[in-house]
């Protein structure tokens, strides 16, 4: 049976904090619906101390900002975006439109149609997540989205130049220096100066995530999101120092980011804990990583790899790093995860920053029913049907009439009856009764 060397805080404490966030987000959304741009500006001033003449950057603004970004940074952005674009294009190429003939002259098909527009939220604030521009904007453009409106907040009153460059190089059609709930709300409901979009994608803090949750239905979203998560599966062959470093790499995302180790080796688990205790005080991001490990870090010891995979599935973690002798076993043994990272030569940080798979992934157990953001999220799979053969239409009409009457839908039945009668089937007694 699994046992814990280290446990997280009770879940009830986390739920109480979420309730307060939800109430505050509802009030902001209602205000922005009512007052539009005026409210957006008020919240931007309040939360980000930011109130420019226009939140949207002009092409001249963008050119000036990008020109100040170091060449090596631009080269790295282009490199990573090419990795993301290559993988997203391969995903898009795997999705085919279809058309089949099920009866003579009866053609059924589906097409993958991109949404007409998308909002891309690129987090900023204390730690800018430039890579989120690659994940949201590049992927949308590969899907064929014609209008991508991208938002990112200022950082302590300054323009995040590298993030703006990443948004621009990714292909954003509109770039707004605007963050938080006010940005998500403006994109979703529209204001006097910001056109609404049918879908919003991208990670964010608890308030951004809650805004997306409350707006879902009015707009589409990529997925419900929570704090970044990592779960490492390690056997006795793993390097405990590497395990410790990788756990802390994700804990630095925020003070509520879970970092979990599931291991078949109690000795390794204890060694990992010692490394973390030694490394944490020296981390520049220890103000986030420290509370995250203290409150949400776990070390779980299991008896076998079978139990490790089963335990990991029960968490349905966003990122699962497999540091075992044969990591590819996880491909066959696991099914509840956002993304797998197989073997010591890869890591979650590669997925976050450079490797090309999308880093917008399900959290809080959502991996039980969905994967992460990918090119297909920006596509609507829509169907069509066409009947050109008269005898097939008559046959379908007769069956439709009978099937609809079983459900007491007389109007549906008559639509079938009309075609059956017109194309060689039974007459319409109800039409004669009506005096037609």
Protein backbone atom coordinates (compact mmCIF):
# COMPACT_ATOMS: atom_id res chain seq x y z
CA UNK A 1 0.00 0.00 0.00
CA UNK A 2 1.23 3.54 -0.71
CA UNK A 3 2.46 5.56 2.26
CA UNK A 4 3.53 9.18 2.51
CA UNK A 5 6.91 10.44 3.58
CA UNK A 6 5.48 13.93 3.06
CA UNK A 7 1.84 15.03 2.69
CA UNK A 8 0.09 18.14 1.37
CA UNK A 9 -2.24 20.42 3.29
CA UNK A 10 -5.93 19.35 3.50
CA UNK A 11 -7.95 20.02 0.35
CA UNK A 12 -10.57 21.98 2.29
CA UNK A 13 -8.17 24.86 2.84
CA UNK A 14 -7.64 25.16 -0.91
CA UNK A 15 -11.39 25.16 -1.67
CA UNK A 16 -12.04 27.99 0.78
CA UNK A 17 -9.52 30.21 -1.02
CA UNK A 18 -11.15 29.45 -4.38
CA UNK A 19 -14.57 30.61 -3.14
CA UNK A 20 -13.22 34.07 -2.35
CA UNK A 21 -11.62 34.34 -5.81
CA UNK A 22 -14.88 33.36 -7.53
CA UNK A 23 -16.85 36.07 -5.74
CA UNK A 24 -14.37 38.80 -6.64
CA UNK A 25 -14.18 37.70 -10.28
CA UNK A 26 -17.98 37.73 -10.64
CA UNK A 27 -18.11 41.34 -9.49
CA UNK A 28 -15.43 42.41 -12.00
CA UNK A 29 -17.11 40.61 -14.89
CA UNK A 30 -20.48 42.18 -14.11
CA UNK A 31 -18.90 45.64 -13.94
CA UNK A 32 -17.11 45.25 -17.28
CA UNK A 33 -20.32 44.04 -18.94
CA UNK A 34 -22.02 47.18 -17.67
CA UNK A 35 -19.35 49.84 -18.20
CA UNK A 36 -17.07 48.42 -20.89
CA UNK A 37 -13.84 50.30 -21.55
CA UNK A 38 -14.29 52.57 -18.54
CA UNK A 39 -14.31 49.60 -16.19
CA UNK A 40 -11.44 47.87 -18.00
CA UNK A 41 -9.30 50.98 -17.57
CA UNK A 42 -10.24 51.31 -13.92
CA UNK A 43 -9.19 47.74 -13.13
CA UNK A 44 -5.98 48.06 -15.13
CA UNK A 45 -5.08 51.15 -13.10
CA UNK A 46 -5.99 49.40 -9.84
CA UNK A 47 -4.23 46.08 -10.38
CA UNK A 48 -1.38 46.94 -12.77
CA UNK A 49 -0.96 50.71 -12.36
CA UNK A 50 -1.37 50.87 -16.13
CA UNK A 51 -3.57 53.30 -18.05
CA UNK A 52 -2.12 54.17 -21.48
CA UNK A 53 -3.98 56.16 -24.09
CA UNK A 54 -4.64 52.89 -25.89
CA UNK A 55 -4.14 49.36 -24.60
CA UNK A 56 -3.63 48.15 -28.17
CA UNK A 57 -0.10 48.49 -29.54
CA UNK A 58 0.20 50.03 -32.98
CA UNK A 59 2.45 48.53 -35.63
CA UNK A 60 4.95 51.32 -34.96
CA UNK A 61 4.86 50.53 -31.24
CA UNK A 62 5.50 46.87 -31.94
CA UNK A 63 8.37 47.57 -34.33
CA UNK A 64 10.04 49.87 -31.80
CA UNK A 65 9.65 47.35 -28.95
CA UNK A 66 10.92 44.41 -31.00
CA UNK A 67 13.93 46.42 -32.17
CA UNK A 68 15.07 46.76 -28.55
CA UNK A 69 15.00 43.01 -27.87
CA UNK A 70 18.47 41.39 -28.00
CA UNK A 71 19.15 39.39 -31.15
CA UNK A 72 19.84 36.17 -29.25
CA UNK A 73 16.45 36.42 -27.55
CA UNK A 74 14.73 36.89 -30.92
CA UNK A 75 16.67 33.95 -32.37
CA UNK A 76 15.60 31.73 -29.46
CA UNK A 77 11.98 32.82 -29.85
CA UNK A 78 12.08 31.94 -33.55
CA UNK A 79 13.69 28.56 -32.78
CA UNK A 80 11.08 27.59 -30.21
CA UNK A 81 8.20 28.82 -32.33
CA UNK A 82 9.44 26.68 -35.20
CA UNK A 83 9.35 23.63 -32.91
CA UNK A 84 5.79 24.45 -31.86
CA UNK A 85 4.75 25.18 -35.44
CA UNK A 86 6.22 21.94 -36.77
CA UNK A 87 4.40 19.80 -34.22
CA UNK A 88 1.13 21.72 -34.57
CA UNK A 89 1.28 21.40 -38.36
CA UNK A 90 1.80 17.65 -38.07
CA UNK A 91 -1.26 17.50 -35.81
CA UNK A 92 -3.31 19.54 -38.30
CA UNK A 93 -2.19 17.36 -41.18
CA UNK A 94 -3.44 14.29 -39.31
CA UNK A 95 -7.00 15.68 -39.26
CA UNK A 96 -8.80 14.91 -42.49
CA UNK A 97 -12.15 16.03 -43.84
CA UNK A 98 -14.27 13.02 -44.76
CA UNK A 99 -17.25 12.24 -47.00
CA UNK A 100 -18.89 8.82 -47.34
CA UNK A 101 -21.90 7.42 -49.22
CA UNK A 102 -24.06 5.35 -46.86
CA UNK A 103 -26.91 4.64 -49.33
CA UNK A 104 -27.20 5.40 -53.05
CA UNK A 105 -27.02 9.19 -53.32
CA UNK A 106 -26.76 9.73 -49.54
CA UNK A 107 -23.54 11.54 -48.69
CA UNK A 108 -22.43 12.33 -45.13
CA UNK A 109 -19.33 14.26 -44.25
CA UNK A 110 -17.46 16.37 -41.77
CA UNK A 111 -15.10 19.28 -42.11
CA UNK A 112 -12.66 20.83 -39.65
CA UNK A 113 -13.42 24.56 -39.64
CA UNK A 114 -11.30 27.00 -37.59
CA UNK A 115 -13.04 29.34 -35.19
CA UNK A 116 -13.29 32.83 -36.63
CA UNK A 117 -11.27 34.42 -33.88
CA UNK A 118 -9.40 33.62 -30.69
CA UNK A 119 -8.09 35.48 -27.69
CA UNK A 120 -4.63 34.49 -26.48
CA UNK A 121 -3.84 35.30 -22.87
CA UNK A 122 -0.10 35.43 -22.17
CA UNK A 123 0.60 35.70 -18.43
CA UNK A 124 2.96 38.31 -17.10
CA UNK A 125 2.96 40.11 -13.80
CA UNK A 126 5.88 39.00 -11.68
CA UNK A 127 7.21 36.32 -14.03
CA UNK A 128 6.41 36.75 -17.73
CA UNK A 129 5.59 33.50 -19.52
CA UNK A 130 6.83 34.40 -22.97
CA UNK A 131 6.47 30.77 -24.08
CA UNK A 132 2.69 30.97 -23.72
CA UNK A 133 2.67 33.23 -26.78
CA UNK A 134 4.12 30.39 -28.81
CA UNK A 135 1.63 27.87 -27.48
CA UNK A 136 -1.53 29.90 -27.97
CA UNK A 137 -0.86 32.08 -31.00
CA UNK A 138 1.28 29.84 -33.21
CA UNK A 139 -1.10 26.92 -32.67
CA UNK A 140 -4.14 29.06 -33.50
CA UNK A 141 -2.52 30.32 -36.68
CA UNK A 142 -1.60 26.80 -37.80
CA UNK A 143 -5.25 25.88 -37.26
CA UNK A 144 -6.23 28.70 -39.63
CA UNK A 145 -7.73 31.20 -37.16
CA UNK A 146 -7.97 34.47 -39.07
CA UNK A 147 -8.00 36.84 -36.08
CA UNK A 148 -5.92 36.31 -32.96
CA UNK A 149 -6.14 39.04 -30.33
CA UNK A 150 -3.38 38.64 -27.75
CA UNK A 151 -3.20 40.19 -24.29
CA UNK A 152 -0.38 40.38 -21.79
CA UNK A 153 -0.02 42.60 -18.71
CA UNK A 154 2.74 45.12 -18.08
CA UNK A 155 5.43 44.07 -15.60
CA UNK A 156 5.65 46.57 -12.76
CA UNK A 157 4.63 49.35 -15.11
CA UNK A 158 7.03 48.35 -17.87
CA UNK A 159 6.37 46.88 -21.31
CA UNK A 160 7.44 43.21 -21.45
CA UNK A 161 9.46 43.56 -24.64
CA UNK A 162 10.36 39.88 -25.12
CA UNK A 163 6.73 38.85 -24.68
CA UNK A 164 5.55 41.44 -27.19
CA UNK A 165 8.20 40.19 -29.63
CA UNK A 166 7.03 36.61 -29.13
CA UNK A 167 3.40 37.59 -29.72
CA UNK A 168 4.33 39.49 -32.86
CA UNK A 169 6.56 36.77 -34.31
CA UNK A 170 3.90 34.17 -33.53
CA UNK A 171 1.47 36.02 -35.79
CA UNK A 172 -0.87 37.89 -33.45
CA UNK A 173 -3.19 40.22 -35.36
CA UNK A 174 -3.82 42.48 -32.36
CA UNK A 175 -1.62 42.95 -29.29
CA UNK A 176 -2.96 44.55 -26.11
CA UNK A 177 -0.95 45.49 -23.02
CA UNK A 178 -3.71 44.42 -20.69
CA UNK A 179 -3.83 41.69 -18.08
CA UNK A 180 -5.92 39.93 -15.49
CA UNK A 181 -9.67 39.43 -15.35
CA UNK A 182 -10.17 42.71 -17.20
CA UNK A 183 -8.32 41.37 -20.26
CA UNK A 184 -10.22 38.09 -20.36
CA UNK A 185 -13.54 39.87 -19.85
CA UNK A 186 -12.83 42.43 -22.59
CA UNK A 187 -12.02 39.66 -25.06
CA UNK A 188 -15.06 37.61 -24.10
CA UNK A 189 -17.81 40.23 -23.96
CA UNK A 190 -16.28 42.97 -26.10
CA UNK A 191 -15.94 46.68 -25.32
CA UNK A 192 -16.02 49.87 -27.32
CA UNK A 193 -12.40 49.33 -28.42
CA UNK A 194 -11.80 45.59 -28.08
CA UNK A 195 -13.76 43.25 -30.31
CA UNK A 196 -15.09 40.07 -28.74
CA UNK A 197 -13.75 36.67 -29.72
CA UNK A 198 -15.50 33.28 -29.78
CA UNK A 199 -12.71 31.49 -27.88
CA UNK A 200 -10.05 32.27 -25.28
CA UNK A 201 -6.91 30.24 -24.60
CA UNK A 202 -3.90 30.52 -22.36
CA UNK A 203 -2.84 30.02 -18.74
CA UNK A 204 -3.06 32.57 -15.97
CA UNK A 205 -3.32 33.10 -12.24
CA UNK A 206 -6.27 31.99 -10.12
CA UNK A 207 -8.31 35.05 -11.12
CA UNK A 208 -7.74 34.57 -14.85
CA UNK A 209 -8.60 30.88 -14.55
CA UNK A 210 -11.77 31.68 -12.64
CA UNK A 211 -12.79 34.32 -15.19
CA UNK A 212 -12.44 31.77 -17.97
CA UNK A 213 -14.47 29.26 -15.96
CA UNK A 214 -17.31 31.73 -15.41
CA UNK A 215 -17.30 32.87 -19.05
CA UNK A 216 -17.30 29.34 -20.47
CA UNK A 217 -20.41 28.84 -22.56
CA UNK A 218 -20.56 32.48 -23.54
CA UNK A 219 -17.18 31.83 -25.14
CA UNK A 220 -15.21 28.68 -25.69
CA UNK A 221 -12.06 28.11 -23.66
CA UNK A 222 -9.10 25.84 -24.09
CA UNK A 223 -9.66 24.07 -20.75
CA UNK A 224 -10.30 24.65 -17.07
CA UNK A 225 -7.00 25.47 -15.45
CA UNK A 226 -5.51 25.63 -12.00
CA UNK A 227 -2.01 25.85 -10.53
CA UNK A 228 0.79 24.13 -12.44
CA UNK A 229 1.36 20.51 -11.32
CA UNK A 230 4.21 18.04 -11.58
CA UNK A 231 4.30 14.38 -10.64
CA UNK A 232 7.54 12.41 -10.91
CA UNK A 233 7.55 8.62 -11.05
CA UNK A 234 10.97 7.36 -9.98
CA UNK A 235 12.47 3.95 -9.28
CA UNK A 236 15.73 3.07 -7.57
CA UNK A 237 17.63 3.86 -10.80
CA UNK A 238 16.68 7.55 -10.74
CA UNK A 239 19.10 10.29 -9.72
CA UNK A 240 17.63 11.88 -6.56
CA UNK A 241 19.32 15.21 -7.29
CA UNK A 242 17.67 15.39 -10.72
CA UNK A 243 14.32 14.46 -9.19
CA UNK A 244 14.64 17.22 -6.59
CA UNK A 245 15.61 19.85 -9.17
CA UNK A 246 12.73 18.89 -11.45
CA UNK A 247 10.16 19.01 -8.63
CA UNK A 248 11.30 22.49 -7.66
CA UNK A 249 11.32 23.61 -11.30
CA UNK A 250 7.54 23.49 -11.31
CA UNK A 251 6.99 24.53 -7.70
CA UNK A 252 8.37 27.96 -8.63
CA UNK A 253 5.29 28.63 -10.77
CA UNK A 254 3.36 29.64 -7.68
CA UNK A 255 2.83 29.00 -3.98
CA UNK A 256 -0.08 26.67 -4.73
CA UNK A 257 1.65 24.46 -7.33
CA UNK A 258 1.59 20.76 -6.36
CA UNK A 259 4.86 18.84 -6.71
CA UNK A 260 4.52 15.10 -6.11
CA UNK A 261 7.03 12.26 -6.11
CA UNK A 262 5.80 8.68 -6.44
CA UNK A 263 8.66 6.25 -5.93
CA UNK A 264 9.31 2.57 -5.43
CA UNK A 265 12.36 3.42 -3.30
CA UNK A 266 11.96 4.88 0.17
CA UNK A 267 15.69 5.60 0.27
CA UNK A 268 15.41 7.66 -2.91
CA UNK A 269 12.40 9.50 -1.50
CA UNK A 270 14.30 10.51 1.63
CA UNK A 271 17.33 11.58 -0.41
CA UNK A 272 15.13 13.72 -2.66
CA UNK A 273 13.66 15.42 0.38
CA UNK A 274 17.14 16.20 1.72
CA UNK A 275 18.18 17.69 -1.63
CA UNK A 276 15.06 19.88 -1.72
CA UNK A 277 15.69 21.16 1.80
CA UNK A 278 19.23 22.09 0.75
CA UNK A 279 18.31 23.63 -2.62
CA UNK A 280 15.25 25.66 -1.66
CA UNK A 281 16.96 28.37 0.41
CA UNK A 282 19.23 29.28 -2.51
CA UNK A 283 16.52 29.53 -5.18
CA UNK A 284 15.77 33.06 -6.41
CA UNK A 285 12.13 31.95 -6.70
CA UNK A 286 11.98 30.41 -3.22
CA UNK A 287 9.16 32.77 -2.20
CA UNK A 288 6.93 30.74 -4.55
CA UNK A 289 8.69 27.39 -4.56
CA UNK A 290 9.03 27.27 -0.77
CA UNK A 291 5.33 27.55 0.11
CA UNK A 292 4.44 25.31 -2.83
CA UNK A 293 6.66 22.51 -1.53
CA UNK A 294 5.69 23.11 2.11
CA UNK A 295 1.93 23.06 1.50
CA UNK A 296 1.51 21.04 -1.69
CA UNK A 297 4.58 18.85 -1.94
CA UNK A 298 4.19 15.10 -1.48
CA UNK A 299 6.45 12.07 -1.42
CA UNK A 300 4.58 8.78 -1.85
CA UNK A 301 6.32 5.42 -1.51
CA UNK A 302 4.77 2.42 -3.31
CA UNK A 303 5.64 -1.27 -3.51
CA UNK A 304 5.96 -1.69 -7.28
CA UNK A 305 5.93 0.11 -10.61
CA UNK A 306 2.42 -1.21 -11.23
CA UNK A 307 1.33 0.56 -8.07
CA UNK A 308 3.30 3.65 -9.08
CA UNK A 309 1.46 3.93 -12.39
CA UNK A 310 -1.91 3.34 -10.71
CA UNK A 311 -1.14 5.93 -8.04
CA UNK A 312 0.00 8.45 -10.63
CA UNK A 313 -3.21 7.94 -12.61
CA UNK A 314 -5.22 8.69 -9.46
CA UNK A 315 -3.66 12.17 -9.39
CA UNK A 316 -4.30 12.80 -13.12
CA UNK A 317 -1.46 15.30 -12.97
CA UNK A 318 -0.76 17.97 -15.56
CA UNK A 319 2.88 16.90 -16.05
CA UNK A 320 4.12 13.38 -15.37
CA UNK A 321 7.86 12.85 -15.55
CA UNK A 322 8.91 9.19 -15.71
CA UNK A 323 12.42 8.63 -14.36
CA UNK A 324 12.59 4.84 -14.35
CA UNK A 325 14.75 2.19 -15.98
CA UNK A 326 12.19 1.70 -18.79
CA UNK A 327 10.21 4.96 -19.00
CA UNK A 328 8.28 4.05 -22.16
CA UNK A 329 6.30 1.52 -20.11
CA UNK A 330 4.22 4.49 -19.01
CA UNK A 331 2.86 4.92 -22.55
CA UNK A 332 1.04 1.59 -22.22
CA UNK A 333 0.33 1.61 -18.50
CA UNK A 334 -1.00 5.14 -17.90
CA UNK A 335 -3.94 7.07 -19.29
CA UNK A 336 -4.73 9.96 -16.89
CA UNK A 337 -2.17 12.74 -17.43
CA UNK A 338 -1.74 15.99 -19.32
CA UNK A 339 1.64 15.15 -20.81
CA UNK A 340 4.32 12.51 -20.27
CA UNK A 341 8.04 13.27 -20.11
CA UNK A 342 9.96 10.06 -20.60
CA UNK A 343 13.43 9.54 -19.20
CA UNK A 344 16.10 11.70 -17.63
CA UNK A 345 17.15 13.28 -20.94
CA UNK A 346 13.90 15.18 -21.10
CA UNK A 347 12.09 17.20 -18.44
CA UNK A 348 8.92 19.19 -17.87
CA UNK A 349 10.85 22.41 -18.38
CA UNK A 350 11.54 21.36 -21.98
CA UNK A 351 7.79 21.05 -22.51
CA UNK A 352 7.20 24.41 -20.85
CA UNK A 353 9.77 26.30 -22.86
CA UNK A 354 11.37 24.74 -25.92
CA UNK A 355 10.53 21.27 -27.19
CA UNK A 356 7.41 21.97 -29.28
CA UNK A 357 4.52 20.18 -27.58
CA UNK A 358 1.95 22.52 -26.08
CA UNK A 359 2.36 23.55 -22.46
CA UNK A 360 -1.27 24.57 -21.88
CA UNK A 361 -2.40 21.39 -20.13
CA UNK A 362 -5.22 20.15 -17.87
CA UNK A 363 -4.91 20.56 -14.10
CA UNK A 364 -6.98 19.73 -11.01
CA UNK A 365 -7.81 16.26 -12.28
CA UNK A 366 -9.14 17.44 -15.66
CA UNK A 367 -6.70 15.06 -17.34
CA UNK A 368 -9.25 12.34 -16.57
CA UNK A 369 -11.42 13.65 -19.40
CA UNK A 370 -9.37 15.97 -21.62
CA UNK A 371 -5.96 16.56 -23.07
CA UNK A 372 -4.27 19.92 -23.40
CA UNK A 373 -4.35 22.72 -25.92
CA UNK A 374 -3.58 21.60 -29.45
CA UNK A 375 -4.43 22.63 -32.97
CA UNK A 376 -7.73 20.72 -32.80
CA UNK A 377 -9.01 22.96 -29.99
CA UNK A 378 -9.22 25.82 -32.49
CA UNK A 379 -11.18 23.72 -34.98
CA UNK A 380 -14.89 22.95 -35.04
CA UNK A 381 -15.65 19.54 -36.52
CA UNK A 382 -18.91 20.23 -38.34
CA UNK A 383 -21.04 17.80 -40.30
CA UNK A 384 -23.10 17.99 -43.47
CA UNK A 385 -25.46 15.69 -45.32
CA UNK A 386 -26.86 15.54 -48.83
CA UNK A 387 -29.42 13.22 -50.48
CA UNK A 388 -29.58 13.23 -54.28
CA UNK A 389 -31.21 9.85 -54.96
CA UNK A 390 -35.05 9.87 -54.96
CA UNK A 391 -35.51 6.27 -53.82
CA UNK A 392 -33.11 6.77 -50.92
CA UNK A 393 -34.96 9.92 -49.86
CA UNK A 394 -38.26 8.01 -50.00
CA UNK A 395 -36.81 5.21 -47.86
CA UNK A 396 -35.40 7.62 -45.29
CA UNK A 397 -38.69 9.51 -45.25
CA UNK A 398 -40.70 6.40 -44.43
CA UNK A 399 -38.32 5.35 -41.65
CA UNK A 400 -38.22 8.92 -40.31
CA UNK A 401 -42.00 9.04 -40.14
CA UNK A 402 -42.21 5.82 -38.13
CA UNK A 403 -39.26 6.66 -35.85
CA UNK A 404 -40.52 10.17 -35.07
CA UNK A 405 -44.02 8.93 -34.18
CA UNK A 406 -42.56 6.51 -31.64
CA UNK A 407 -41.28 9.65 -29.90
CA UNK A 408 -44.60 11.51 -30.49
CA UNK A 409 -42.92 14.10 -32.74
CA UNK A 410 -45.61 14.47 -35.38
CA UNK A 411 -43.99 17.48 -37.06
CA UNK A 412 -40.74 15.58 -37.57
CA UNK A 413 -42.71 12.63 -38.92
CA UNK A 414 -44.49 14.80 -41.48
CA UNK A 415 -41.17 16.18 -42.80
CA UNK A 416 -40.25 12.57 -43.56
CA UNK A 417 -43.74 11.77 -44.92
CA UNK A 418 -43.55 14.63 -47.42
CA UNK A 419 -40.37 13.28 -48.96
CA UNK A 420 -41.58 9.70 -48.92
CA UNK A 421 -44.71 10.74 -50.83
CA UNK A 422 -42.94 13.07 -53.24
CA UNK A 423 -40.27 10.55 -54.21
CA UNK A 424 -42.30 7.38 -54.64
CA UNK A 425 -43.36 6.29 -51.16
CA UNK A 426 -46.66 6.32 -49.24
CA UNK A 427 -49.36 9.01 -49.66
CA UNK A 428 -50.14 11.71 -47.06
CA UNK A 429 -53.51 10.95 -45.41
CA UNK A 430 -53.01 13.76 -42.91
CA UNK A 431 -52.64 16.23 -45.81
CA UNK A 432 -56.04 15.18 -47.21
CA UNK A 433 -57.58 15.47 -43.75
CA UNK A 434 -56.33 19.03 -43.59
CA UNK A 435 -58.22 19.82 -46.77
CA UNK A 436 -55.12 20.54 -48.84
